[in-house]
Amino acid sequence: MTAAKVRPELRVTDPSSQPPAATLADRARIGVLYHFCRLQLPGVRVPEAAFRAHLDRTFRIFFPKSPGVTWASYLEGLYAVDWAVCVGCLEGSNSAWEVLFNARTGRSDCLLVDAFRARATRLYPRDEEKQDTAVTEFWSNLIAPETEDSLPILARYDGQRPLAPWLIRVFQNWHLSKLRHHSGVISLPDDDIAIPFDAAPKADCGATRWHETFVLAARDWLGGIDDDERVLLGLRWRYRMSQREVAGLLGLHEGSISRRTDKLRQKALDAIGQRLVGEGWTGDGLEGFVLTELGAVLTDDPRLSADQLGRLLAAKGKTLPGRTEAG
């Protein structure tokens, strides 16, 4: 991604709000922090003057949320490396973007882009085009404001929480707000608005129970399929490869890939559906429920991670495709 710089002078706080000035001791500590971030992220080069200006800017972002906060307490709670990655992205550092693209969140092997994709799957079920657009649009708005009087998403980060989970929350809130308004361009909602981060789907009864039951059943099903099926699932889901592309990579006939894909889909529906029915599911729409929920599980499961797929393909003498992952 080509990063456009966002100058540190941008403000998102009320001009009447006047945070305290940094003391001599605070400024000395900021100098230590600058060199710490340089050691932790040697490829992310931000001049010290810009570093201090961004720190002043993000302190002003945080100040209205916690009146009375001091520089000492702000620096104490700062997620320094995450904050430095964010600043690096705003300053146009390719190394910072690489760190952000490779950020892990949630489960031990869940990439940030995968977490976005999982939430897009929930927000726009059975609509892959909208899912792709939702993720791509969000990435572009990290450094490009949605409207002339708004700020890019990364320019709103205050450094007082881990960056990746914060971005996931903003992603979900942003798209939920769009869905609720249905039309027109709206400003990015504040990240602290009271929208549950990972709300269970609402239903007449037992929605939370059915979601939890589904997740357990889906993970058990994934544990029961063989390596060839995991490779097929990973290439088709994570890498969004067509049947023809998968056939070319694996050296198989396209018709064979089509039959295997259909068989794998049916196995998932049978195994997970039987589990839900066995637990007492009596409602309609079982197939739609399974297919809608399955995407998030596939994205989060470490057995379909990029590293694991790479190992499985390497055992076959193949390599991962040179393309971006789903989302």
Protein backbone atom coordinates (compact mmCIF):
# COMPACT_ATOMS: atom_id res chain seq x y z
CA MET A 1 0.00 0.00 0.00
CA THR A 2 1.26 3.48 -0.84
CA ALA A 3 1.13 5.41 2.39
CA ALA A 4 0.14 9.07 2.36
CA LYS A 5 1.57 11.04 5.24
CA VAL A 6 -0.75 12.56 7.82
CA ARG A 7 0.86 15.50 9.51
CA PRO A 8 1.18 15.48 13.30
CA GLU A 9 -0.50 18.89 13.53
CA LEU A 10 -3.94 17.33 12.94
CA ARG A 11 -6.21 17.52 15.97
CA VAL A 12 -9.42 15.65 16.78
CA THR A 13 -10.10 17.18 20.19
CA ASP A 14 -12.06 20.23 21.28
CA PRO A 15 -9.80 23.30 20.93
CA SER A 16 -10.92 24.47 24.37
CA SER A 17 -9.46 21.37 25.96
CA GLN A 18 -5.97 22.21 27.20
CA PRO A 19 -3.90 19.23 28.36
CA PRO A 20 -0.94 19.92 30.65
CA ALA A 21 2.46 20.63 29.19
CA ALA A 22 5.17 18.01 29.54
CA THR A 23 7.59 18.60 32.39
CA LEU A 24 11.35 18.38 32.06
CA ALA A 25 11.20 14.84 33.45
CA ASP A 26 8.44 13.94 30.97
CA ARG A 27 10.49 15.23 28.04
CA ALA A 28 13.48 13.20 29.17
CA ARG A 29 11.32 10.10 29.39
CA ILE A 30 10.00 10.78 25.88
CA GLY A 31 13.58 10.85 24.65
CA VAL A 32 14.17 7.41 26.19
CA LEU A 33 10.93 6.18 24.63
CA TYR A 34 12.06 7.37 21.19
CA HIS A 35 15.26 5.33 21.37
CA PHE A 36 13.38 2.32 22.76
CA CYS A 37 11.04 2.36 19.76
CA ARG A 38 14.00 2.67 17.39
CA LEU A 39 15.53 -0.46 18.94
CA GLN A 40 12.25 -2.38 18.77
CA LEU A 41 11.47 -1.30 15.19
CA PRO A 42 14.80 -0.55 13.51
CA GLY A 43 13.23 -0.48 10.05
CA VAL A 44 10.68 2.18 11.02
CA ARG A 45 12.52 5.47 10.79
CA VAL A 46 10.65 8.48 12.16
CA PRO A 47 12.57 11.70 12.94
CA GLU A 48 12.58 12.55 16.62
CA ALA A 49 10.79 15.87 16.03
CA ALA A 50 7.94 14.08 14.22
CA PHE A 51 7.92 11.39 16.93
CA ARG A 52 7.44 14.01 19.66
CA ALA A 53 4.80 15.87 17.61
CA HIS A 54 2.79 12.69 17.11
CA LEU A 55 3.07 11.89 20.81
CA ASP A 56 1.71 15.33 21.68
CA ARG A 57 -1.11 14.80 19.16
CA THR A 58 -2.15 11.42 20.57
CA PHE A 59 -1.94 12.73 24.15
CA ARG A 60 -4.42 15.43 23.09
CA ILE A 61 -6.66 12.72 21.62
CA PHE A 62 -6.65 10.81 24.89
CA PHE A 63 -6.95 13.78 27.26
CA PRO A 64 -10.71 14.44 26.82
CA LYS A 65 -11.40 10.73 27.45
CA SER A 66 -9.57 10.84 30.78
CA PRO A 67 -9.68 14.37 32.24
CA GLY A 68 -6.88 15.00 34.65
CA VAL A 69 -4.50 12.53 33.01
CA THR A 70 -0.85 13.53 33.29
CA TRP A 71 1.97 12.95 30.85
CA ALA A 72 3.49 10.48 33.30
CA SER A 73 0.33 8.36 33.50
CA TYR A 74 -0.20 8.60 29.73
CA LEU A 75 3.32 7.36 29.01
CA GLU A 76 2.91 4.63 31.63
CA GLY A 77 -0.14 3.25 29.80
CA LEU A 78 1.24 3.70 26.28
CA TYR A 79 1.51 0.60 24.06
CA ALA A 80 4.77 1.98 22.74
CA VAL A 81 5.54 -0.46 19.92
CA ASP A 82 1.95 -0.49 18.62
CA TRP A 83 1.91 3.31 18.81
CA ALA A 84 5.21 3.51 16.90
CA VAL A 85 3.87 1.19 14.18
CA CYS A 86 0.83 3.44 13.79
CA VAL A 87 3.00 6.56 13.59
CA GLY A 88 5.29 4.85 11.10
CA CYS A 89 2.31 4.08 8.85
CA LEU A 90 1.12 7.68 9.05
CA GLU A 91 4.65 8.83 8.17
CA GLY A 92 4.75 6.58 5.12
CA SER A 93 7.14 3.88 6.36
CA ASN A 94 6.88 0.69 4.30
CA SER A 95 8.45 -1.26 7.17
CA ALA A 96 5.66 -0.10 9.50
CA TRP A 97 3.04 -1.25 6.98
CA GLU A 98 4.71 -4.65 6.78
CA VAL A 99 4.52 -4.97 10.57
CA LEU A 100 0.84 -4.01 10.51
CA PHE A 101 0.00 -6.41 7.67
CA ASN A 102 1.67 -9.24 9.61
CA ALA A 103 0.09 -8.34 12.96
CA ARG A 104 -1.44 -11.25 14.86
CA THR A 105 -4.53 -10.97 16.98
CA GLY A 106 -7.08 -13.09 18.80
CA ARG A 107 -6.00 -16.67 18.57
CA SER A 108 -2.34 -17.55 18.44
CA ASP A 109 -2.20 -17.60 14.65
CA CYS A 110 -4.85 -15.17 13.46
CA LEU A 111 -3.63 -12.44 11.13
CA LEU A 112 -5.22 -9.00 11.36
CA VAL A 113 -6.46 -9.30 7.77
CA ASP A 114 -8.09 -12.63 8.69
CA ALA A 115 -9.88 -11.04 11.64
CA PHE A 116 -11.26 -8.34 9.33
CA ARG A 117 -12.40 -11.03 6.90
CA ALA A 118 -14.14 -13.00 9.67
CA ARG A 119 -16.13 -9.97 10.75
CA ALA A 120 -16.96 -9.04 7.17
CA THR A 121 -18.32 -12.57 6.74
CA ARG A 122 -20.66 -12.01 9.68
CA LEU A 123 -21.70 -8.55 8.55
CA TYR A 124 -22.36 -9.52 4.91
CA PRO A 125 -23.22 -13.25 4.96
CA ARG A 126 -23.16 -15.09 1.63
CA ASP A 127 -22.05 -11.95 -0.22
CA GLU A 128 -18.36 -12.35 -1.06
CA GLU A 129 -18.25 -9.16 -3.12
CA LYS A 130 -19.42 -7.04 -0.18
CA GLN A 131 -17.05 -8.88 2.14
CA ASP A 132 -14.09 -8.10 -0.12
CA THR A 133 -15.18 -4.49 -0.55
CA ALA A 134 -15.64 -4.01 3.20
CA VAL A 135 -12.09 -5.12 3.97
CA THR A 136 -10.44 -3.30 1.06
CA GLU A 137 -12.31 -0.09 1.80
CA PHE A 138 -11.28 -0.19 5.45
CA TRP A 139 -7.59 -0.67 4.61
CA SER A 140 -7.73 2.34 2.28
CA ASN A 141 -9.33 4.52 4.96
CA LEU A 142 -6.54 3.79 7.43
CA ILE A 143 -4.61 6.70 5.92
CA ALA A 144 -7.18 8.41 3.69
CA PRO A 145 -10.03 10.33 5.39
CA GLU A 146 -13.53 9.25 4.41
CA THR A 147 -14.70 12.86 4.13
CA GLU A 148 -12.91 16.21 3.91
CA ASP A 149 -13.74 17.11 7.52
CA SER A 150 -12.76 13.76 9.02
CA LEU A 151 -9.47 12.11 9.91
CA PRO A 152 -7.95 8.84 8.70
CA ILE A 153 -8.56 5.91 11.01
CA LEU A 154 -4.95 5.58 12.16
CA ALA A 155 -4.87 9.28 13.07
CA ARG A 156 -7.51 8.51 15.74
CA TYR A 157 -5.44 5.95 17.64
CA ASP A 158 -4.47 7.17 21.13
CA GLY A 159 -1.93 4.45 21.96
CA GLN A 160 -3.68 3.41 25.17
CA ARG A 161 -4.83 0.02 23.94
CA PRO A 162 -3.33 -2.66 21.66
CA LEU A 163 -3.49 -1.51 18.04
CA ALA A 164 -4.79 -4.66 16.29
CA PRO A 165 -7.81 -5.26 18.60
CA TRP A 166 -8.63 -1.55 18.40
CA LEU A 167 -8.61 -1.68 14.59
CA ILE A 168 -10.89 -4.73 14.63
CA ARG A 169 -13.32 -2.93 16.90
CA VAL A 170 -13.32 0.18 14.71
CA PHE A 171 -13.81 -2.00 11.62
CA GLN A 172 -16.88 -3.63 13.13
CA ASN A 173 -18.36 -0.41 14.51
CA TRP A 174 -17.77 1.40 11.24
CA HIS A 175 -19.58 -1.18 9.13
CA LEU A 176 -22.37 -1.66 11.66
CA SER A 177 -22.95 2.08 11.49
CA LYS A 178 -23.04 1.93 7.69
CA LEU A 179 -25.53 -0.93 7.76
CA ARG A 180 -27.77 0.92 10.19
CA HIS A 181 -27.80 4.12 8.16
CA HIS A 182 -28.26 2.32 4.81
CA SER A 183 -27.47 5.39 2.74
CA GLY A 184 -25.20 8.39 2.55
CA VAL A 185 -21.61 8.80 3.67
CA ILE A 186 -21.22 8.99 7.43
CA SER A 187 -18.27 9.89 9.59
CA LEU A 188 -16.25 7.25 11.37
CA PRO A 189 -17.97 6.47 14.70
CA ASP A 190 -16.05 7.04 17.90
CA ASP A 191 -14.26 3.88 18.92
CA ASP A 192 -15.80 3.98 22.40
CA ILE A 193 -19.47 3.88 21.32
CA ALA A 194 -21.46 1.16 23.00
CA ILE A 195 -21.53 -1.46 20.27
CA PRO A 196 -20.51 -4.91 21.53
CA PHE A 197 -17.17 -5.93 20.02
CA ASP A 198 -18.22 -9.45 19.16
CA ALA A 199 -21.93 -9.56 19.80
CA ALA A 200 -23.72 -12.86 19.48
CA PRO A 201 -26.38 -12.88 16.76
CA LYS A 202 -29.86 -12.14 18.07
CA ALA A 203 -32.57 -14.74 17.70
CA ASP A 204 -35.82 -15.70 19.34
CA CYS A 205 -34.00 -17.88 21.84
CA GLY A 206 -30.71 -19.65 22.42
CA ALA A 207 -28.62 -17.66 19.91
CA THR A 208 -25.53 -17.66 22.11
CA ARG A 209 -25.92 -21.34 22.85
CA TRP A 210 -26.22 -22.24 19.16
CA HIS A 211 -23.22 -20.15 18.20
CA GLU A 212 -21.06 -21.84 20.85
CA THR A 213 -22.34 -25.28 19.85
CA PHE A 214 -21.63 -24.52 16.20
CA VAL A 215 -18.05 -23.41 16.91
CA LEU A 216 -17.31 -26.61 18.83
CA ALA A 217 -18.84 -28.75 16.09
CA ALA A 218 -16.98 -26.92 13.31
CA ARG A 219 -13.64 -27.29 15.08
CA ASP A 220 -14.25 -30.98 15.65
CA TRP A 221 -15.08 -31.36 11.95
CA LEU A 222 -11.88 -29.57 10.96
CA GLY A 223 -9.95 -31.93 13.21
CA GLY A 224 -11.43 -34.92 11.40
CA ILE A 225 -10.62 -34.03 7.80
CA ASP A 226 -7.32 -35.06 6.20
CA ASP A 227 -4.41 -32.91 5.05
CA ASP A 228 -5.50 -32.93 1.39
CA GLU A 229 -8.89 -31.57 2.38
CA ARG A 230 -7.28 -28.90 4.56
CA VAL A 231 -5.11 -27.80 1.65
CA LEU A 232 -8.14 -27.58 -0.63
CA LEU A 233 -10.12 -25.67 1.98
CA GLY A 234 -7.25 -23.27 2.65
CA LEU A 235 -6.57 -22.52 -1.01
CA ARG A 236 -10.25 -22.00 -1.81
CA TRP A 237 -11.09 -19.98 1.32
CA ARG A 238 -7.98 -18.20 2.56
CA TYR A 239 -6.45 -17.49 -0.85
CA ARG A 240 -9.74 -17.18 -2.75
CA MET A 241 -8.35 -19.32 -5.57
CA SER A 242 -10.66 -20.55 -8.31
CA GLN A 243 -11.09 -24.26 -8.97
CA ARG A 244 -8.98 -23.87 -12.12
CA GLU A 245 -6.17 -22.18 -10.16
CA VAL A 246 -6.21 -24.86 -7.48
CA ALA A 247 -6.16 -27.57 -10.13
CA GLY A 248 -3.16 -25.95 -11.80
CA LEU A 249 -1.25 -25.62 -8.53
CA LEU A 250 -1.90 -29.21 -7.44
CA GLY A 251 -1.54 -30.73 -10.90
CA LEU A 252 -5.09 -32.14 -10.93
CA HIS A 253 -8.04 -31.94 -13.31
CA GLU A 254 -10.46 -29.08 -12.65
CA GLY A 255 -13.38 -31.51 -12.54
CA SER A 256 -11.64 -33.40 -9.76
CA ILE A 257 -11.26 -30.22 -7.72
CA SER A 258 -14.93 -29.40 -8.31
CA ARG A 259 -16.03 -32.84 -7.06
CA ARG A 260 -13.74 -32.65 -4.04
CA THR A 261 -15.01 -29.18 -3.17
CA ASP A 262 -18.65 -30.29 -3.34
CA LYS A 263 -17.88 -33.37 -1.27
CA LEU A 264 -16.06 -31.31 1.37
CA ARG A 265 -18.95 -28.84 1.57
CA GLN A 266 -21.44 -31.66 2.02
CA LYS A 267 -19.29 -33.30 4.68
CA ALA A 268 -19.25 -30.04 6.64
CA LEU A 269 -23.02 -29.64 6.36
CA ASP A 270 -23.65 -33.24 7.40
CA ALA A 271 -21.25 -33.35 10.32
CA ILE A 272 -22.02 -29.94 11.79
CA GLY A 273 -25.74 -30.14 11.01
CA GLN A 274 -26.09 -33.54 12.69
CA ARG A 275 -24.31 -32.18 15.75
CA LEU A 276 -26.70 -29.23 15.99
CA VAL A 277 -29.76 -31.42 15.46
CA GLY A 278 -28.46 -33.79 18.10
CA GLU A 279 -28.23 -30.85 20.49
CA GLY A 280 -31.89 -30.02 19.85
CA TRP A 281 -31.98 -27.71 16.83
CA THR A 282 -35.52 -27.70 15.44
CA GLY A 283 -35.63 -24.46 13.44
CA ASP A 284 -35.44 -23.82 9.71
CA GLY A 285 -32.41 -22.50 7.86
CA LEU A 286 -29.89 -24.96 9.24
CA GLU A 287 -27.81 -25.03 6.04
CA GLY A 288 -27.74 -21.24 5.78
CA PHE A 289 -26.74 -20.94 9.44
CA VAL A 290 -23.85 -23.39 9.00
CA LEU A 291 -22.51 -21.78 5.83
CA THR A 292 -22.82 -18.27 7.28
CA GLU A 293 -21.01 -19.09 10.52
CA LEU A 294 -18.36 -21.36 9.03
CA GLY A 295 -16.31 -18.55 7.46
CA ALA A 296 -15.32 -17.02 10.78
CA VAL A 297 -14.18 -20.40 12.16
CA LEU A 298 -12.14 -21.17 9.04
CA THR A 299 -10.43 -17.78 9.26
CA ASP A 300 -9.55 -18.13 12.96
CA ASP A 301 -8.48 -21.78 13.06
CA PRO A 302 -4.67 -22.24 13.22
CA ARG A 303 -4.95 -25.46 11.22
CA LEU A 304 -5.70 -23.28 8.19
CA SER A 305 -3.09 -20.63 8.93
CA ALA A 306 -0.71 -19.48 6.21
CA ASP A 307 2.20 -21.18 7.97
CA GLN A 308 0.37 -24.48 8.32
CA LEU A 309 -0.80 -24.44 4.69
CA GLY A 310 2.76 -23.70 3.64
CA ARG A 311 4.01 -26.78 5.49
CA LEU A 312 1.31 -29.00 4.01
CA LEU A 313 2.07 -27.79 0.47
CA ALA A 314 5.82 -28.12 1.01
CA ALA A 315 5.28 -31.79 1.87
CA LYS A 316 3.75 -32.14 -1.60
CA GLY A 317 6.61 -30.27 -3.26
CA LYS A 318 4.41 -27.20 -3.82
CA THR A 319 4.65 -23.60 -2.64
CA LEU A 320 2.04 -21.09 -1.50
CA PRO A 321 0.67 -18.88 -4.28
CA GLY A 322 2.20 -15.43 -4.57
CA ARG A 323 -0.93 -13.53 -3.77
CA THR A 324 -2.60 -11.70 -0.92
CA GLU A 325 -4.72 -13.65 1.51
CA ALA A 326 -8.50 -13.42 1.66
CA GLY A 327 -9.67 -9.98 2.56
